[in-house]
Protein backbone atom coordinates (compact mmCIF):
# COMPACT_ATOMS: atom_id res chain seq x y z
CA MET A 1 -6.94 10.60 14.25
CA ASN A 2 -10.06 10.45 12.37
CA LYS A 3 -10.10 9.38 8.78
CA THR A 4 -13.68 9.27 6.75
CA ILE A 5 -13.38 9.17 3.46
CA ILE A 6 -14.85 -29.80 -15.32
CA LYS A 7 -13.87 -30.06 -17.46
CA HIS A 8 -16.25 -33.14 -17.91
CA SER A 9 -15.29 -36.24 -19.98
CA LYS A 10 -16.54 -39.91 -20.35
CA VAL A 11 -14.44 -42.78 -19.85
CA PHE A 12 -15.40 -45.98 -21.22
CA LEU A 13 -13.98 -49.08 -19.23
CA SER A 14 -13.83 -52.77 -20.93
CA VAL A 15 -12.38 -55.90 -20.03
CA ALA A 16 -11.59 -58.84 -22.51
CA VAL A 17 -11.01 -62.22 -21.87
CA MET A 18 -8.76 -64.12 -24.11
CA SER A 19 -8.67 -67.96 -24.66
CA THR A 20 -5.41 -69.59 -26.24
CA ALA A 21 -6.83 -73.24 -26.01
CA ILE A 22 -9.68 -72.99 -28.80
CA VAL A 23 -8.52 -70.75 -31.19
CA THR A 24 -11.55 -70.45 -33.50
CA SER A 25 -13.43 -69.07 -30.75
CA THR A 26 -11.17 -66.39 -29.65
CA GLY A 27 -12.45 -63.58 -30.86
CA SER A 28 -16.11 -64.05 -30.39
CA MET A 29 -15.76 -64.74 -26.89
CA ALA A 30 -13.73 -61.79 -25.99
CA LYS A 31 -16.34 -59.60 -27.85
CA ASP A 32 -19.06 -61.22 -25.93
CA VAL A 33 -17.44 -60.76 -22.46
CA SER A 34 -16.45 -57.19 -23.38
CA ASP A 35 -19.79 -56.00 -23.93
CA GLU A 36 -20.87 -57.75 -20.43
CA ASN A 37 -18.19 -56.12 -18.65
CA GLU A 38 -18.25 -52.60 -20.19
CA MET A 39 -18.73 -49.86 -17.77
CA VAL A 40 -19.55 -46.42 -18.72
CA LEU A 41 -18.98 -43.47 -16.20
CA ASP A 42 -20.67 -40.53 -15.99
CA GLU A 43 -18.17 -38.11 -15.45
CA VAL A 44 -14.56 -37.24 -14.06
CA THR A 45 -14.63 -34.04 -11.84
CA VAL A 46 -10.80 -32.59 -11.08
CA VAL A 47 -11.22 -30.71 -8.06
CA GLY A 48 -8.84 -28.97 -5.48
CA THR A 49 -5.91 -26.86 -6.77
CA ARG A 50 -5.68 -28.33 -10.23
CA ARG A 51 -9.35 -27.26 -10.75
CA THR A 52 -8.59 -23.55 -9.45
CA ILE A 53 -5.81 -23.48 -11.88
CA GLN A 54 -7.94 -24.71 -14.88
CA ASN A 55 -10.87 -22.53 -13.85
CA SER A 56 -8.20 -19.16 -13.95
CA ILE A 57 -7.09 -20.36 -17.27
CA ASP A 58 -10.44 -20.50 -18.65
CA VAL A 59 -11.40 -17.14 -17.33
CA LYS A 60 -8.09 -15.64 -19.24
CA ARG A 61 -8.97 -17.50 -22.55
CA THR A 62 -12.60 -16.17 -22.33
CA SER A 63 -11.76 -12.41 -21.19
CA ALA A 64 -10.85 -9.55 -23.61
CA THR A 65 -8.42 -8.12 -20.78
CA ILE A 66 -5.62 -9.49 -19.02
CA VAL A 67 -7.03 -10.90 -15.98
CA ASP A 68 -6.78 -13.33 -13.24
CA ALA A 69 -9.68 -14.66 -11.27
CA LEU A 70 -11.48 -16.75 -8.75
CA SER A 71 -14.91 -18.35 -8.23
CA SER A 72 -16.37 -19.19 -4.67
CA ASP A 73 -15.62 -22.53 -5.07
CA ASP A 74 -11.85 -21.83 -5.66
CA ILE A 75 -11.71 -19.08 -2.61
CA GLY A 76 -13.08 -22.18 -0.66
CA ASP A 77 -10.09 -24.24 -1.32
CA ILE A 78 -7.65 -21.66 -0.08
CA PRO A 79 -6.89 -21.43 3.93
CA ALA A 80 -7.89 -17.61 3.43
CA LEU A 81 -8.82 -15.68 6.94
CA SER A 82 -9.99 -12.58 4.88
CA ILE A 83 -10.51 -11.48 1.25
CA GLY A 84 -6.92 -9.99 1.41
CA GLU A 85 -5.23 -13.53 1.80
CA ALA A 86 -7.29 -14.74 -1.24
CA LEU A 87 -6.15 -12.04 -3.23
CA GLU A 88 -2.56 -12.43 -2.64
CA THR A 89 -2.93 -15.77 -4.34
CA LEU A 90 -3.43 -14.27 -7.70
CA THR A 91 -0.52 -13.64 -10.24
CA GLY A 92 0.94 -10.18 -10.21
CA ALA A 93 -0.72 -9.26 -6.79
CA SER A 94 1.55 -8.83 -3.47
CA SER A 95 -0.09 -7.43 -0.15
CA HIS A 96 1.18 -5.30 2.86
CA ARG A 97 0.89 -7.77 6.02
CA GLU A 98 -0.18 -6.18 9.35
CA ASN A 99 -0.31 -8.32 12.33
CA GLY A 100 -0.04 -11.49 10.33
CA GLY A 101 -2.52 -10.69 7.67
CA ALA A 102 -2.96 -9.40 3.92
CA THR A 103 -4.29 -5.76 4.49
CA GLU A 104 -3.47 -3.73 1.29
CA ILE A 105 -2.88 -5.30 -1.99
CA SER A 106 -0.29 -3.78 -4.76
CA ILE A 107 -0.67 -4.95 -8.48
CA ARG A 108 2.10 -5.45 -10.51
CA GLY A 109 4.26 -3.80 -7.68
CA LEU A 110 3.07 0.04 -8.37
CA GLY A 111 2.02 0.19 -4.82
CA PRO A 112 -1.67 -0.21 -3.49
CA PHE A 113 -2.51 3.47 -3.82
CA LEU A 114 -2.21 3.28 -7.67
CA GLY A 115 -5.12 0.65 -7.92
CA SER A 116 -8.47 0.94 -7.69
CA THR A 117 -11.32 -1.62 -6.28
CA VAL A 118 -15.07 -1.82 -6.64
CA ILE A 119 -17.53 -3.99 -5.17
CA ASN A 120 -20.40 -5.27 -7.51
CA GLY A 121 -19.00 -2.87 -9.80
CA ARG A 122 -19.31 -0.05 -7.53
CA GLU A 123 -16.31 2.03 -6.31
CA ALA A 124 -15.12 0.84 -2.45
CA THR A 125 -14.24 3.60 -0.13
CA ASN A 126 -11.38 3.46 2.56
CA GLY A 127 -10.08 4.83 5.29
CA SER A 128 -6.20 5.21 4.24
CA GLY A 129 -7.04 8.80 2.47
CA ASP A 130 -6.04 7.15 -0.84
CA ARG A 131 -7.31 4.20 -2.90
CA SER A 132 -5.54 1.70 -0.49
CA VAL A 133 -8.24 -0.50 0.42
CA ASN A 134 -7.89 -2.35 3.57
CA PHE A 135 -8.96 -5.76 2.55
CA SER A 136 -8.41 -7.70 6.01
CA GLN A 137 -11.81 -6.34 6.80
CA PHE A 138 -13.95 -8.41 4.50
CA PRO A 139 -14.45 -12.19 5.16
CA SER A 140 -13.32 -14.39 1.92
CA GLU A 141 -16.30 -16.87 2.72
CA LEU A 142 -19.07 -14.24 1.62
CA PHE A 143 -17.62 -13.18 -1.68
CA ASN A 144 -18.91 -14.84 -4.83
CA LYS A 145 -15.73 -14.24 -7.12
CA ILE A 146 -12.69 -12.20 -6.97
CA ALA A 147 -10.73 -10.66 -10.14
CA ILE A 148 -7.63 -8.66 -10.69
CA TYR A 149 -7.86 -6.97 -14.29
CA LYS A 150 -4.06 -5.82 -15.32
CA THR A 151 -5.39 -3.97 -18.10
CA GLN A 152 -7.85 -1.13 -19.03
CA SER A 153 -11.42 -1.23 -20.23
CA ALA A 154 -13.94 1.47 -21.08
CA SER A 155 -16.25 -0.15 -18.77
CA PHE A 156 -13.91 0.49 -15.67
CA ILE A 157 -13.95 3.40 -13.18
CA GLU A 158 -11.11 5.52 -13.69
CA GLY A 159 -8.08 5.40 -11.50
CA GLY A 160 -6.75 2.10 -11.66
CA VAL A 161 -3.28 2.95 -13.09
CA ALA A 162 -1.77 -0.29 -12.02
CA GLY A 163 -4.87 -2.20 -12.34
CA GLN A 164 -8.33 -2.94 -10.92
CA ILE A 165 -9.86 -5.58 -7.98
CA SER A 166 -13.08 -6.55 -8.78
CA LEU A 167 -14.92 -8.04 -5.99
CA GLU A 168 -18.87 -9.85 -6.57
CA THR A 169 -20.97 -11.00 -3.94
CA ILE A 170 -23.69 -13.77 -4.81
CA LYS A 171 -26.90 -13.11 -6.83
CA PRO A 172 -29.40 -15.48 -5.27
CA LEU A 173 -31.47 -15.88 -8.56
CA ASP A 174 -28.40 -16.67 -10.10
CA HIS A 175 -26.92 -19.35 -7.82
CA GLY A 176 -30.31 -21.14 -8.72
CA LYS A 177 -30.38 -23.43 -5.29
CA ARG A 178 -31.16 -23.12 -1.68
CA SER A 179 -27.91 -23.13 0.16
CA ILE A 180 -27.34 -23.38 3.99
CA GLN A 181 -24.06 -23.12 5.21
CA LEU A 182 -22.89 -23.02 8.65
CA GLN A 183 -19.03 -23.49 9.95
CA ALA A 184 -17.42 -22.74 13.02
CA LYS A 185 -13.63 -23.04 14.23
CA ALA A 186 -12.00 -22.33 17.29
CA ALA A 187 -8.20 -21.37 17.89
CA TYR A 188 -6.30 -22.31 20.70
CA ASN A 189 -2.38 -20.82 21.30
CA PRO A 190 -0.48 -22.27 24.29
CA ASP A 191 1.41 -18.89 24.48
CA GLU A 192 -1.54 -16.93 25.53
CA GLN A 193 -1.35 -19.09 29.10
CA ASN A 194 1.84 -17.38 29.84
CA ILE A 195 0.29 -13.76 29.56
CA ASP A 196 -1.61 -12.31 32.76
CA ASN A 197 -4.58 -10.80 32.03
CA ASN A 198 -4.76 -12.20 28.39
CA ALA A 199 -7.60 -11.14 25.90
CA ARG A 200 -9.03 -14.66 25.73
CA ASP A 201 -8.20 -18.26 26.09
CA ILE A 202 -9.76 -19.65 23.21
CA GLY A 203 -10.05 -17.64 19.61
CA TYR A 204 -13.18 -18.56 17.18
CA ARG A 205 -14.24 -17.64 13.85
CA GLY A 206 -18.04 -18.66 12.61
CA THR A 207 -19.78 -18.19 9.48
CA ALA A 208 -23.46 -18.55 8.23
CA SER A 209 -24.95 -18.15 5.02
CA TYR A 210 -28.46 -18.77 3.37
CA ILE A 211 -29.41 -18.42 -0.17
CA ASP A 212 -32.97 -19.51 -1.57
CA GLN A 213 -35.27 -18.30 -4.53
CA PHE A 214 -39.01 -17.95 -4.67
CA GLU A 215 -41.44 -18.06 -7.66
CA PHE A 216 -45.02 -16.56 -7.76
CA GLU A 217 -47.79 -17.40 -9.78
CA ASN A 218 -47.44 -14.17 -12.23
CA GLY A 219 -44.12 -15.74 -13.33
CA GLY A 220 -42.52 -13.41 -10.91
CA LYS A 221 -38.91 -14.96 -9.06
CA LEU A 222 -37.59 -13.67 -5.67
CA GLY A 223 -33.93 -14.67 -4.44
CA VAL A 224 -32.60 -13.49 -0.90
CA SER A 225 -29.34 -14.27 0.42
CA ILE A 226 -27.60 -13.29 3.75
CA GLY A 227 -24.13 -13.82 5.21
CA LEU A 228 -22.69 -13.30 8.68
CA GLN A 229 -19.22 -14.04 10.10
CA THR A 230 -18.04 -13.39 13.49
CA ASN A 231 -14.17 -13.45 14.01
CA ALA A 232 -12.05 -13.03 17.17
CA THR A 233 -8.43 -14.07 17.32
CA THR A 234 -5.18 -13.22 19.20
CA ASN A 235 -1.59 -13.63 18.40
CA PRO A 236 0.97 -13.56 21.25
CA GLU A 237 4.60 -13.06 20.84
CA GLN A 238 7.86 -12.82 23.13
CA GLU A 239 11.23 -11.71 21.84
CA ALA A 240 14.39 -10.97 23.03
CA ILE A 241 16.17 -8.14 20.76
CA THR A 242 19.55 -6.68 20.70
CA SER A 243 20.23 -3.03 19.30
CA GLY A 244 21.77 -3.19 15.51
CA THR A 245 24.82 -2.20 15.21
CA PRO A 246 27.91 -3.96 17.14
CA ARG A 247 30.60 -1.82 19.01
CA LEU A 248 34.49 -2.70 19.36
CA CYS A 249 35.73 -1.99 22.92
CA GLY A 250 39.28 -2.03 23.21
CA LEU A 251 40.75 -4.59 26.20
CA GLY A 252 43.99 -4.18 28.59
CA ALA A 253 46.55 -6.78 29.22
CA ASP A 254 43.92 -8.14 32.08
CA GLY A 255 41.17 -8.83 29.41
CA GLN A 256 39.08 -6.17 30.68
CA VAL A 257 37.98 -3.00 29.05
CA LEU A 258 39.93 0.22 29.42
CA THR A 259 37.16 2.57 30.61
CA SER A 260 34.58 3.15 33.05
CA GLY A 261 32.07 4.88 30.56
CA ASN A 262 30.63 3.45 27.31
CA CYS A 263 33.33 0.65 26.46
CA ASP A 264 34.12 2.05 23.07
CA SER A 265 35.12 5.78 24.08
CA GLY A 266 37.68 7.00 25.83
CA ASP A 267 40.70 4.54 26.16
CA GLY A 268 38.28 1.72 24.69
CA SER A 269 38.39 3.42 21.27
CA LEU A 270 40.18 1.72 18.56
CA ASP A 271 42.06 3.18 16.01
CA LEU A 272 41.84 0.27 13.45
CA SER A 273 43.81 2.24 10.78
CA SER A 274 46.97 2.21 12.77
CA ALA A 275 48.98 -0.92 13.08
CA GLU A 276 48.97 -0.37 17.13
CA GLY A 277 45.27 -0.03 17.09
CA ALA A 278 44.67 -3.25 14.45
CA ALA A 279 46.77 -5.28 17.15
CA GLN A 280 44.99 -4.17 20.34
CA PRO A 281 42.70 -6.81 21.34
CA PHE A 282 39.17 -6.10 21.37
CA VAL A 283 35.32 -7.62 22.17
CA ALA A 284 31.87 -6.71 20.36
CA THR A 285 29.13 -5.83 22.14
CA THR A 286 25.82 -3.92 21.77
CA SER A 287 24.29 -0.88 23.03
CA SER A 288 20.91 -2.24 24.49
CA ARG A 289 18.86 -5.50 25.03
CA THR A 290 15.42 -5.65 25.15
CA PHE A 291 12.74 -8.47 26.27
CA ARG A 292 9.33 -7.85 24.34
CA GLN A 293 6.18 -9.22 25.35
CA ASN A 294 3.77 -8.40 22.27
CA THR A 295 -0.09 -9.44 22.14
CA THR A 296 -2.23 -8.54 19.05
CA SER A 297 -6.05 -8.70 19.03
CA ASP A 298 -8.23 -8.84 15.75
CA GLU A 299 -12.24 -8.91 16.18
CA ARG A 300 -14.31 -8.72 12.96
CA GLU A 301 -18.05 -8.80 12.32
CA SER A 302 -19.72 -8.68 8.72
CA VAL A 303 -23.10 -8.91 7.56
CA PHE A 304 -23.79 -9.24 3.61
CA ALA A 305 -26.94 -9.31 2.28
CA ALA A 306 -28.73 -9.56 -1.32
CA VAL A 307 -31.97 -9.39 -3.14
CA GLN A 308 -32.94 -10.27 -6.26
CA TRP A 309 -36.23 -9.47 -7.93
CA GLN A 310 -37.36 -10.40 -11.22
CA PRO A 311 -41.27 -9.33 -11.65
CA ASN A 312 -41.22 -10.50 -15.43
CA ASP A 313 -38.57 -11.64 -18.15
CA ARG A 314 -37.39 -8.15 -18.91
CA LEU A 315 -36.97 -6.54 -15.59
CA ASP A 316 -33.89 -7.67 -13.20
CA ILE A 317 -33.72 -5.51 -9.75
CA ASN A 318 -30.83 -6.19 -7.65
CA PHE A 319 -30.06 -4.97 -4.08
CA ASP A 320 -26.74 -5.82 -2.24
CA ALA A 321 -25.44 -4.46 1.10
CA GLN A 322 -22.17 -4.85 3.14
CA LEU A 323 -21.28 -4.23 6.61
CA SER A 324 -18.26 -4.74 8.09
CA GLU A 325 -16.32 -3.70 11.48
CA ARG A 326 -13.03 -4.61 12.46
CA ILE A 327 -11.32 -3.85 15.82
CA ALA A 328 -7.32 -4.60 15.97
CA GLU A 329 -5.47 -4.05 18.99
CA GLU A 330 -1.99 -4.46 19.91
CA ASP A 331 -0.43 -4.23 23.23
CA ARG A 332 3.22 -4.10 23.52
CA ARG A 333 5.71 -4.51 26.54
CA ASP A 334 9.10 -3.88 26.35
CA LEU A 335 11.57 -4.08 29.23
CA VAL A 336 14.85 -2.32 28.19
CA PHE A 337 18.50 -2.55 29.39
CA SER A 338 19.56 0.79 27.46
CA GLU A 339 23.19 1.30 28.73
CA ALA A 340 24.62 -2.39 28.12
CA ARG A 341 27.97 -1.46 27.38
CA ARG A 342 28.53 1.38 30.05
CA GLY A 343 30.85 0.48 32.87
CA ILE A 344 31.80 -3.29 31.98
CA GLU A 345 33.29 -5.08 34.57
CA ASN A 346 34.23 -9.00 35.24
CA LEU A 347 34.36 -9.61 31.55
CA VAL A 348 34.57 -13.07 30.31
CA SER A 349 35.08 -13.06 26.75
CA ASP A 350 36.01 -15.82 23.80
CA ASN A 351 37.56 -14.31 20.92
CA GLY A 352 36.45 -11.20 20.91
CA VAL A 353 32.75 -12.60 21.43
CA VAL A 354 31.08 -11.45 24.98
CA ARG A 355 30.30 -14.48 27.40
CA SER A 356 29.26 -12.46 30.75
CA TYR A 357 29.77 -9.34 32.21
CA SER A 358 28.28 -7.12 34.85
CA ASN A 359 27.48 -2.94 35.04
CA GLU A 360 25.52 -0.59 36.61
CA GLY A 361 22.67 0.59 33.87
CA ARG A 362 19.79 2.33 33.22
CA ILE A 363 16.46 0.14 32.86
CA GLU A 364 13.74 1.33 30.91
CA SER A 365 9.74 0.20 30.73
CA ILE A 366 8.00 1.26 27.28
CA SER A 367 4.19 0.36 27.09
CA THR A 368 2.38 0.88 23.42
CA ASP A 369 -0.99 0.51 23.34
CA PHE A 370 -2.29 0.78 19.69
CA GLU A 371 -6.20 0.28 18.16
CA ARG A 372 -7.87 0.81 14.81
CA VAL A 373 -11.53 0.59 14.67
CA GLU A 374 -12.98 0.66 11.18
CA GLU A 375 -16.06 0.44 9.55
CA TYR A 376 -17.20 -0.16 6.14
CA GLN A 377 -20.82 0.46 4.76
CA GLY A 378 -21.92 -0.04 1.32
CA PHE A 379 -25.66 -0.18 -0.15
CA GLY A 380 -26.56 -0.59 -3.98
CA ILE A 381 -29.53 -1.11 -6.33
CA ASN A 382 -29.34 -1.78 -9.83
CA PHE A 383 -32.14 -1.64 -12.30
CA ASP A 384 -31.93 -3.59 -15.81
CA TYR A 385 -34.76 -3.48 -18.24
CA GLN A 386 -34.25 -5.46 -21.35
CA LEU A 387 -36.13 -3.12 -23.91
CA SER A 388 -35.44 -5.60 -27.01
CA ASP A 389 -33.13 -8.34 -27.73
CA ARG A 390 -30.34 -5.89 -28.67
CA LEU A 391 -31.11 -2.78 -26.39
CA SER A 392 -31.50 -2.64 -22.71
CA VAL A 393 -31.45 0.30 -20.15
CA ALA A 394 -29.86 0.25 -16.88
CA LEU A 395 -29.73 2.41 -13.86
CA ASP A 396 -27.58 2.08 -10.95
CA ALA A 397 -27.14 3.81 -7.24
CA SER A 398 -24.94 3.30 -4.74
CA TYR A 399 -23.38 4.09 -1.26
CA SER A 400 -20.18 3.67 0.32
CA ASN A 401 -18.43 4.73 3.70
CA THR A 402 -15.57 3.75 5.28
CA ARG A 403 -14.89 5.28 8.87
CA ARG A 404 -11.49 4.61 10.56
CA GLU A 405 -10.33 5.63 14.11
CA GLU A 406 -6.91 5.10 15.46
CA THR A 407 -5.49 5.51 19.16
CA ASP A 408 -1.74 5.33 19.87
CA VAL A 409 -0.83 5.61 23.42
CA GLU A 410 2.94 5.38 24.52
CA VAL A 411 4.18 5.62 28.17
CA ARG A 412 8.02 5.37 28.76
CA LEU A 413 9.38 4.89 32.29
CA ARG A 414 13.12 4.78 33.42
CA SER A 415 14.75 3.27 36.81
CA ASP A 416 14.58 5.52 39.54
CA ASN A 417 16.02 4.49 42.73
CA ASP A 418 19.20 5.16 45.17
CA TYR A 419 21.96 4.55 43.08
CA SER A 420 24.04 7.36 41.47
CA SER A 421 22.31 8.29 38.25
CA ASP A 422 19.57 5.89 38.52
CA ARG A 423 21.77 3.28 37.52
CA VAL A 424 20.88 -0.23 38.47
CA PRO A 425 23.69 -3.20 39.37
CA THR A 426 23.33 -5.75 36.51
CA VAL A 427 24.73 -9.22 35.37
CA TYR A 428 24.73 -10.51 31.82
CA ASP A 429 24.80 -14.01 30.63
CA LEU A 430 24.57 -13.82 27.49
CA TYR A 431 24.46 -17.88 26.33
CA PRO A 432 23.35 -19.59 29.04
CA ASN A 433 23.72 -23.24 28.41
CA GLY A 434 23.84 -22.79 24.86
CA SER A 435 20.93 -20.66 24.62
CA ASP A 436 20.30 -17.66 22.17
CA VAL A 437 18.18 -15.46 24.92
CA PRO A 438 20.34 -14.12 27.29
CA LEU A 439 19.92 -14.30 30.98
CA ILE A 440 19.88 -11.19 32.70
CA THR A 441 20.18 -10.74 36.50
CA VAL A 442 19.10 -7.80 38.36
CA THR A 443 19.74 -6.86 42.08
CA GLU A 444 18.14 -4.55 44.41
CA PHE A 445 15.46 -3.70 42.05
CA ASP A 446 12.20 -4.87 41.21
CA VAL A 447 11.20 -4.49 37.60
CA THR A 448 7.44 -5.51 38.19
CA ASP A 449 7.25 -2.43 40.66
CA ALA A 450 6.12 0.97 39.23
CA SER A 451 7.00 2.97 42.05
CA GLN A 452 10.74 2.38 41.47
CA PHE A 453 10.54 3.85 37.88
CA THR A 454 9.97 7.61 36.91
CA ASN A 455 8.76 9.51 33.75
CA SER A 456 11.91 11.53 33.58
């Protein structure tokens, strides 16, 4: 399937020494000592989460619309792996999570397709077929400001019924200083070592950015910025799953199920509306049990660049570009014991709770391989000319394109051997040594041998 589409404050500290031995000189002595020991702190800077909240309040106070925003410093204080995880920290925003990360953002609970997204004031494309942008493809470190506007304004691009998400990259001349940033992180997951032919042993995340300004003899100014990021992570999972609704199976006087088929059919079916059925002993069991190994892989490479040129005091030219490619993969392997309530024998139960039993049932192997490749390209150039103190002329041109390709392959196999109806002798120990993960023993059948399965 292809879709294109500080507050600053001065603090004065003084120390006064008072003497009770000579009363007549107490006041003068205290004043002299105070003058000598008085210290003036230039400023007290509030940082971290408290500063982030204060900055957000300041933005709300000065804005003509209802808005929540974060600056680049605020974003850096948040452990966000993508710009989507930074956006979901703002009031009124909620995210759809995929493979553990925030992707699409809903504003005020109205759904991601009812909002609009702009990058540097220009509409951002997406690969979903509507206005839902996949924010996991954008690294948080390469944005200068993010904001969510919850009310409308005449200057906004149409389409944001729920609100508008605004992302801004840095303008190098407005930044006003040279900045060089290098960051590298490594991730190690011990569970990855339990998987044969795993995607990688160690994940990584690297970010580099450079911002600088140049002045010319004729008074012109030039600013450049470039940011790069590469990211590769995996998230292995192992699960033991039981099917949903428990089934009630009637028992005989010997404490065993009454039928050789599904234990809740035939003589094992209970009529709880009758006195006889309600008095009959029973056990509760499920239809199937599954062991799952699931590995998700996320790779992303992004390049953000900007050039700002001011040849004179009146003309300001800005060019920016954003390139991002994200490859998300999911490899799922399911081993399913699909007839867990058929032909139950050697039942051991405790007040209706099944402890162990044996039967003959089919075994299924289900493999799912999913891959999504998403590429974003965005370019824009803006000319702003100040004709006078009260009049300016602006021209903006942009290009945005998103390409998304998804591949989903599923293979389903079932046990195939010499047993009747392809059923395999199986022993279930549901609570081995107090564990919640069942121990299932299969005899005369190798679940790792593909030749013993068929696609029928």
